[in-house]
Amino acid sequence: MQQGTTINAAAYCATLTKLRRAIQNKRRGLLTSGVLLLHDNARPHSAINTQNLIRFFGCEQIDHPPYSPDLAPSDFYLFRYLKEFLGGKRFDTTDEVKEEVQDWLSSQAADVYDLGLQKLVERYDKCLNKYGKYVEK
Protein backbone atom coordinates (compact mmCIF):
# COMPACT_ATOMS: atom_id res chain seq x y z
CA MET A 1 0.00 0.00 0.00
CA GLN A 2 1.06 3.55 -0.55
CA GLN A 3 2.64 5.20 2.46
CA GLY A 4 0.05 7.22 4.37
CA THR A 5 -2.90 5.18 3.07
CA THR A 6 -5.67 4.67 5.60
CA ILE A 7 -6.58 1.04 6.00
CA ASN A 8 -10.35 0.95 5.94
CA ALA A 9 -12.80 -1.81 4.99
CA ALA A 10 -12.53 -1.04 1.26
CA ALA A 11 -8.73 -1.18 1.31
CA TYR A 12 -8.77 -4.36 3.38
CA CYS A 13 -11.27 -6.01 1.02
CA ALA A 14 -9.02 -5.11 -1.92
CA THR A 15 -6.09 -6.74 -0.09
CA LEU A 16 -8.14 -9.88 0.62
CA THR A 17 -9.09 -10.05 -3.07
CA LYS A 18 -5.40 -9.81 -4.07
CA LEU A 19 -4.55 -12.48 -1.50
CA ARG A 20 -7.21 -14.81 -2.88
CA ARG A 21 -5.91 -14.30 -6.42
CA ALA A 22 -2.34 -15.00 -5.28
CA ILE A 23 -3.47 -18.19 -3.53
CA GLN A 24 -5.28 -19.29 -6.70
CA ASN A 25 -2.15 -18.69 -8.78
CA LYS A 26 0.52 -19.99 -6.43
CA ARG A 27 -1.18 -22.65 -4.28
CA ARG A 28 -3.62 -24.44 -6.54
CA GLY A 29 -6.18 -26.46 -4.61
CA LEU A 30 -5.68 -24.62 -1.33
CA LEU A 31 -8.90 -22.66 -1.67
CA THR A 32 -10.94 -25.85 -2.03
CA SER A 33 -9.31 -27.40 1.04
CA GLY A 34 -10.14 -24.33 3.11
CA VAL A 35 -8.48 -21.10 4.18
CA LEU A 36 -8.47 -19.92 7.79
CA LEU A 37 -8.13 -16.22 8.62
CA LEU A 38 -7.01 -15.10 12.07
CA HIS A 39 -8.64 -11.73 12.70
CA ASP A 40 -8.71 -9.32 15.56
CA ASN A 41 -11.66 -6.98 16.02
CA ALA A 42 -10.19 -4.02 14.13
CA ARG A 43 -12.88 -2.14 12.22
CA PRO A 44 -11.62 -3.11 8.75
CA HIS A 45 -11.78 -6.80 9.79
CA SER A 46 -15.22 -6.64 11.38
CA ALA A 47 -16.91 -4.35 8.84
CA ILE A 48 -20.01 -5.76 7.13
CA ASN A 49 -18.41 -5.47 3.67
CA THR A 50 -15.38 -7.43 4.85
CA GLN A 51 -17.48 -10.10 6.54
CA ASN A 52 -19.62 -10.49 3.42
CA LEU A 53 -16.53 -10.85 1.22
CA ILE A 54 -15.01 -13.46 3.53
CA ARG A 55 -18.24 -15.46 3.43
CA PHE A 56 -18.38 -15.10 -0.37
CA PHE A 57 -14.81 -16.41 -0.63
CA GLY A 58 -15.74 -19.36 1.61
CA CYS A 59 -13.01 -18.66 4.15
CA GLU A 60 -13.31 -19.57 7.80
CA GLN A 61 -12.42 -17.02 10.46
CA ILE A 62 -10.70 -17.67 13.75
CA ASP A 63 -11.42 -14.80 16.09
CA HIS A 64 -8.48 -13.27 17.89
CA PRO A 65 -9.15 -13.22 21.64
CA PRO A 66 -9.07 -9.68 23.02
CA TYR A 67 -5.97 -8.53 24.89
CA SER A 68 -3.76 -11.21 23.35
CA PRO A 69 -1.75 -9.34 20.70
CA ASP A 70 1.00 -11.95 20.80
CA LEU A 71 -1.11 -14.46 18.85
CA ALA A 72 -0.16 -12.99 15.49
CA PRO A 73 2.71 -15.18 14.15
CA SER A 74 4.36 -12.13 12.63
CA ASP A 75 4.53 -10.50 16.07
CA PHE A 76 5.73 -13.41 18.20
CA TYR A 77 7.81 -15.31 15.69
CA LEU A 78 8.74 -13.77 12.36
CA PHE A 79 9.54 -10.17 13.35
CA ARG A 80 11.99 -11.29 16.02
CA TYR A 81 14.21 -12.90 13.38
CA LEU A 82 13.71 -10.06 10.93
CA LYS A 83 14.74 -7.60 13.64
CA GLU A 84 17.94 -9.58 14.25
CA PHE A 85 18.67 -9.63 10.51
CA LEU A 86 18.17 -5.88 10.14
CA GLY A 87 20.03 -5.01 13.37
CA GLY A 88 22.87 -2.54 12.86
CA LYS A 89 22.11 -1.92 9.18
CA ARG A 90 21.58 1.59 7.85
CA PHE A 91 19.32 2.55 4.97
CA ASP A 92 19.08 5.80 3.07
CA THR A 93 15.65 5.25 1.55
CA THR A 94 12.41 3.44 2.29
CA ASP A 95 12.89 1.49 -0.94
CA GLU A 96 16.19 0.09 0.37
CA VAL A 97 14.44 -1.16 3.51
CA LYS A 98 11.62 -2.69 1.46
CA GLU A 99 14.08 -4.47 -0.81
CA GLU A 100 16.12 -5.84 2.10
CA VAL A 101 13.00 -7.09 3.91
CA GLN A 102 11.61 -8.64 0.72
CA ASP A 103 14.91 -10.40 0.04
CA TRP A 104 15.01 -11.76 3.59
CA LEU A 105 11.39 -12.96 3.48
CA SER A 106 12.00 -14.65 0.13
CA SER A 107 15.14 -16.36 1.41
CA GLN A 108 13.33 -18.08 4.29
CA ALA A 109 12.51 -21.74 3.75
CA ALA A 110 8.88 -22.86 3.84
CA ASP A 111 9.46 -24.74 7.10
CA VAL A 112 10.24 -21.44 8.84
CA TYR A 113 6.70 -20.25 8.10
CA ASP A 114 5.26 -23.67 8.93
CA LEU A 115 6.93 -23.63 12.35
CA GLY A 116 5.47 -20.18 13.04
CA LEU A 117 1.98 -21.52 12.31
CA GLN A 118 2.56 -24.57 14.50
CA LYS A 119 3.55 -22.27 17.34
CA LEU A 120 0.36 -20.26 16.70
CA VAL A 121 -1.71 -23.39 17.37
CA GLU A 122 0.07 -23.90 20.70
CA ARG A 123 -0.37 -20.26 21.73
CA TYR A 124 -4.01 -20.13 20.66
CA ASP A 125 -4.76 -23.30 22.63
CA LYS A 126 -3.02 -21.86 25.70
CA CYS A 127 -5.03 -18.66 25.33
CA LEU A 128 -8.33 -20.54 25.09
CA ASN A 129 -7.45 -22.67 28.12
CA LYS A 130 -6.91 -19.47 30.12
CA TYR A 131 -10.21 -18.00 28.87
CA GLY A 132 -8.57 -15.26 26.85
CA LYS A 133 -6.41 -13.98 29.70
CA TYR A 134 -3.19 -15.31 28.19
CA VAL A 135 -0.37 -12.93 27.29
CA GLU A 136 3.08 -14.40 26.64
CA LYS A 137 5.89 -12.64 28.45
C-alpha atoms as a PDB file:
ATOM      1  CA  MET A   1       0.000   0.000   0.000  1.00  0.00           C
ATOM      2  CA  GLN A   2       1.063   3.546  -0.552  1.00  0.00           C
ATOM      3  CA  GLN A   3       2.641   5.198   2.465  1.00  0.00           C
ATOM      4  CA  GLY A   4       0.047   7.219   4.370  1.00  0.00           C
ATOM      5  CA  THR A   5      -2.898   5.181   3.071  1.00  0.00           C
ATOM      6  CA  THR A   6      -5.665   4.669   5.604  1.00  0.00           C
ATOM      7  CA  ILE A   7      -6.578   1.037   5.999  1.00  0.00           C
ATOM      8  CA  ASN A   8     -10.352   0.950   5.935  1.00  0.00           C
ATOM      9  CA  ALA A   9     -12.796  -1.809   4.990  1.00  0.00           C
ATOM     10  CA  ALA A  10     -12.533  -1.041   1.259  1.00  0.00           C
ATOM     11  CA  ALA A  11      -8.728  -1.180   1.310  1.00  0.00           C
ATOM     12  CA  TYR A  12      -8.773  -4.362   3.380  1.00  0.00           C
ATOM     13  CA  CYS A  13     -11.273  -6.013   1.018  1.00  0.00           C
ATOM     14  CA  ALA A  14      -9.020  -5.114  -1.918  1.00  0.00           C
ATOM     15  CA  THR A  15      -6.094  -6.740  -0.087  1.00  0.00           C
ATOM     16  CA  LEU A  16      -8.145  -9.881   0.616  1.00  0.00           C
ATOM     17  CA  THR A  17      -9.085 -10.050  -3.069  1.00  0.00           C
ATOM     18  CA  LYS A  18      -5.405  -9.811  -4.073  1.00  0.00           C
ATOM     19  CA  LEU A  19      -4.546 -12.479  -1.505  1.00  0.00           C
ATOM     20  CA  ARG A  20      -7.210 -14.811  -2.882  1.00  0.00           C
ATOM     21  CA  ARG A  21      -5.912 -14.296  -6.416  1.00  0.00           C
ATOM     22  CA  ALA A  22      -2.343 -15.004  -5.278  1.00  0.00           C
ATOM     23  CA  ILE A  23      -3.466 -18.194  -3.528  1.00  0.00           C
ATOM     24  CA  GLN A  24      -5.277 -19.286  -6.699  1.00  0.00           C
ATOM     25  CA  ASN A  25      -2.150 -18.689  -8.781  1.00  0.00           C
ATOM     26  CA  LYS A  26       0.519 -19.991  -6.427  1.00  0.00           C
ATOM     27  CA  ARG A  27      -1.179 -22.646  -4.277  1.00  0.00           C
ATOM     28  CA  ARG A  28      -3.624 -24.435  -6.544  1.00  0.00           C
ATOM     29  CA  GLY A  29      -6.176 -26.460  -4.609  1.00  0.00           C
ATOM     30  CA  LEU A  30      -5.676 -24.623  -1.335  1.00  0.00           C
ATOM     31  CA  LEU A  31      -8.897 -22.656  -1.675  1.00  0.00           C
ATOM     32  CA  THR A  32     -10.936 -25.848  -2.033  1.00  0.00           C
ATOM     33  CA  SER A  33      -9.314 -27.401   1.038  1.00  0.00           C
ATOM     34  CA  GLY A  34     -10.139 -24.326   3.108  1.00  0.00           C
ATOM     35  CA  VAL A  35      -8.482 -21.100   4.180  1.00  0.00           C
ATOM     36  CA  LEU A  36      -8.467 -19.915   7.790  1.00  0.00           C
ATOM     37  CA  LEU A  37      -8.128 -16.224   8.621  1.00  0.00           C
ATOM     38  CA  LEU A  38      -7.010 -15.098  12.070  1.00  0.00           C
ATOM     39  CA  HIS A  39      -8.636 -11.727  12.699  1.00  0.00           C
ATOM     40  CA  ASP A  40      -8.706  -9.322  15.561  1.00  0.00           C
ATOM     41  CA  ASN A  41     -11.656  -6.985  16.019  1.00  0.00           C
ATOM     42  CA  ALA A  42     -10.190  -4.022  14.126  1.00  0.00           C
ATOM     43  CA  ARG A  43     -12.877  -2.141  12.220  1.00  0.00           C
ATOM     44  CA  PRO A  44     -11.624  -3.114   8.748  1.00  0.00           C
ATOM     45  CA  HIS A  45     -11.782  -6.796   9.792  1.00  0.00           C
ATOM     46  CA  SER A  46     -15.217  -6.641  11.382  1.00  0.00           C
ATOM     47  CA  ALA A  47     -16.912  -4.353   8.835  1.00  0.00           C
ATOM     48  CA  ILE A  48     -20.011  -5.756   7.128  1.00  0.00           C
ATOM     49  CA  ASN A  49     -18.414  -5.472   3.672  1.00  0.00           C
ATOM     50  CA  THR A  50     -15.376  -7.430   4.854  1.00  0.00           C
ATOM     51  CA  GLN A  51     -17.482 -10.105   6.537  1.00  0.00           C
ATOM     52  CA  ASN A  52     -19.621 -10.492   3.418  1.00  0.00           C
ATOM     53  CA  LEU A  53     -16.534 -10.845   1.216  1.00  0.00           C
ATOM     54  CA  ILE A  54     -15.007 -13.455   3.528  1.00  0.00           C
ATOM     55  CA  ARG A  55     -18.238 -15.464   3.433  1.00  0.00           C
ATOM     56  CA  PHE A  56     -18.385 -15.101  -0.367  1.00  0.00           C
ATOM     57  CA  PHE A  57     -14.813 -16.413  -0.633  1.00  0.00           C
ATOM     58  CA  GLY A  58     -15.742 -19.361   1.613  1.00  0.00           C
ATOM     59  CA  CYS A  59     -13.010 -18.662   4.148  1.00  0.00           C
ATOM     60  CA  GLU A  60     -13.309 -19.571   7.802  1.00  0.00           C
ATOM     61  CA  GLN A  61     -12.422 -17.023  10.459  1.00  0.00           C
ATOM     62  CA  ILE A  62     -10.700 -17.666  13.747  1.00  0.00           C
ATOM     63  CA  ASP A  63     -11.422 -14.802  16.086  1.00  0.00           C
ATOM     64  CA  HIS A  64      -8.475 -13.269  17.886  1.00  0.00           C
ATOM     65  CA  PRO A  65      -9.152 -13.221  21.637  1.00  0.00           C
ATOM     66  CA  PRO A  66      -9.066  -9.675  23.022  1.00  0.00           C
ATOM     67  CA  TYR A  67      -5.971  -8.525  24.893  1.00  0.00           C
ATOM     68  CA  SER A  68      -3.758 -11.208  23.347  1.00  0.00           C
ATOM     69  CA  PRO A  69      -1.750  -9.342  20.705  1.00  0.00           C
ATOM     70  CA  ASP A  70       0.998 -11.950  20.799  1.00  0.00           C
ATOM     71  CA  LEU A  71      -1.112 -14.459  18.854  1.00  0.00           C
ATOM     72  CA  ALA A  72      -0.156 -12.993  15.488  1.00  0.00           C
ATOM     73  CA  PRO A  73       2.709 -15.184  14.151  1.00  0.00           C
ATOM     74  CA  SER A  74       4.363 -12.134  12.626  1.00  0.00           C
ATOM     75  CA  ASP A  75       4.531 -10.502  16.066  1.00  0.00           C
ATOM     76  CA  PHE A  76       5.728 -13.407  18.201  1.00  0.00           C
ATOM     77  CA  TYR A  77       7.811 -15.307  15.687  1.00  0.00           C
ATOM     78  CA  LEU A  78       8.741 -13.768  12.358  1.00  0.00           C
ATOM     79  CA  PHE A  79       9.543 -10.171  13.350  1.00  0.00           C
ATOM     80  CA  ARG A  80      11.994 -11.286  16.022  1.00  0.00           C
ATOM     81  CA  TYR A  81      14.213 -12.900  13.381  1.00  0.00           C
ATOM     82  CA  LEU A  82      13.710 -10.059  10.928  1.00  0.00           C
ATOM     83  CA  LYS A  83      14.735  -7.596  13.643  1.00  0.00           C
ATOM     84  CA  GLU A  84      17.935  -9.578  14.246  1.00  0.00           C
ATOM     85  CA  PHE A  85      18.668  -9.632  10.511  1.00  0.00           C
ATOM     86  CA  LEU A  86      18.172  -5.875  10.143  1.00  0.00           C
ATOM     87  CA  GLY A  87      20.027  -5.012  13.367  1.00  0.00           C
ATOM     88  CA  GLY A  88      22.872  -2.539  12.856  1.00  0.00           C
ATOM     89  CA  LYS A  89      22.113  -1.917   9.181  1.00  0.00           C
ATOM     90  CA  ARG A  90      21.579   1.593   7.854  1.00  0.00           C
ATOM     91  CA  PHE A  91      19.325   2.552   4.975  1.00  0.00           C
ATOM     92  CA  ASP A  92      19.079   5.803   3.066  1.00  0.00           C
ATOM     93  CA  THR A  93      15.645   5.254   1.549  1.00  0.00           C
ATOM     94  CA  THR A  94      12.408   3.440   2.292  1.00  0.00           C
ATOM     95  CA  ASP A  95      12.885   1.492  -0.939  1.00  0.00           C
ATOM     96  CA  GLU A  96      16.193   0.094   0.371  1.00  0.00           C
ATOM     97  CA  VAL A  97      14.438  -1.158   3.507  1.00  0.00           C
ATOM     98  CA  LYS A  98      11.620  -2.694   1.464  1.00  0.00           C
ATOM     99  CA  GLU A  99      14.082  -4.469  -0.813  1.00  0.00           C
ATOM    100  CA  GLU A 100      16.123  -5.844   2.097  1.00  0.00           C
ATOM    101  CA  VAL A 101      12.999  -7.090   3.909  1.00  0.00           C
ATOM    102  CA  GLN A 102      11.609  -8.639   0.718  1.00  0.00           C
ATOM    103  CA  ASP A 103      14.909 -10.397   0.044  1.00  0.00           C
ATOM    104  CA  TRP A 104      15.007 -11.758   3.587  1.00  0.00           C
ATOM    105  CA  LEU A 105      11.385 -12.956   3.481  1.00  0.00           C
ATOM    106  CA  SER A 106      12.004 -14.648   0.129  1.00  0.00           C
ATOM    107  CA  SER A 107      15.141 -16.363   1.414  1.00  0.00           C
ATOM    108  CA  GLN A 108      13.330 -18.076   4.285  1.00  0.00           C
ATOM    109  CA  ALA A 109      12.509 -21.744   3.746  1.00  0.00           C
ATOM    110  CA  ALA A 110       8.875 -22.856   3.842  1.00  0.00           C
ATOM    111  CA  ASP A 111       9.464 -24.744   7.098  1.00  0.00           C
ATOM    112  CA  VAL A 112      10.244 -21.435   8.839  1.00  0.00           C
ATOM    113  CA  TYR A 113       6.703 -20.252   8.096  1.00  0.00           C
ATOM    114  CA  ASP A 114       5.264 -23.674   8.929  1.00  0.00           C
ATOM    115  CA  LEU A 115       6.933 -23.627  12.351  1.00  0.00           C
ATOM    116  CA  GLY A 116       5.467 -20.183  13.042  1.00  0.00           C
ATOM    117  CA  LEU A 117       1.980 -21.518  12.306  1.00  0.00           C
ATOM    118  CA  GLN A 118       2.563 -24.568  14.498  1.00  0.00           C
ATOM    119  CA  LYS A 119       3.548 -22.272  17.343  1.00  0.00           C
ATOM    120  CA  LEU A 120       0.359 -20.265  16.701  1.00  0.00           C
ATOM    121  CA  VAL A 121      -1.711 -23.386  17.366  1.00  0.00           C
ATOM    122  CA  GLU A 122       0.066 -23.900  20.700  1.00  0.00           C
ATOM    123  CA  ARG A 123      -0.374 -20.262  21.729  1.00  0.00           C
ATOM    124  CA  TYR A 124      -4.012 -20.130  20.660  1.00  0.00           C
ATOM    125  CA  ASP A 125      -4.756 -23.299  22.627  1.00  0.00           C
ATOM    126  CA  LYS A 126      -3.016 -21.862  25.700  1.00  0.00           C
ATOM    127  CA  CYS A 127      -5.031 -18.657  25.329  1.00  0.00           C
ATOM    128  CA  LEU A 128      -8.334 -20.539  25.088  1.00  0.00           C
ATOM    129  CA  ASN A 129      -7.454 -22.667  28.117  1.00  0.00           C
ATOM    130  CA  LYS A 130      -6.908 -19.473  30.117  1.00  0.00           C
ATOM    131  CA  TYR A 131     -10.214 -18.004  28.868  1.00  0.00           C
ATOM    132  CA  GLY A 132      -8.574 -15.258  26.852  1.00  0.00           C
ATOM    133  CA  LYS A 133      -6.408 -13.982  29.701  1.00  0.00           C
ATOM    134  CA  TYR A 134      -3.190 -15.308  28.191  1.00  0.00           C
ATOM    135  CA  VAL A 135      -0.369 -12.934  27.287  1.00  0.00           C
ATOM    136  CA  GLU A 136       3.080 -14.402  26.638  1.00  0.00           C
ATOM    137  CA  LYS A 137       5.890 -12.636  28.450  1.00  0.00           C
END
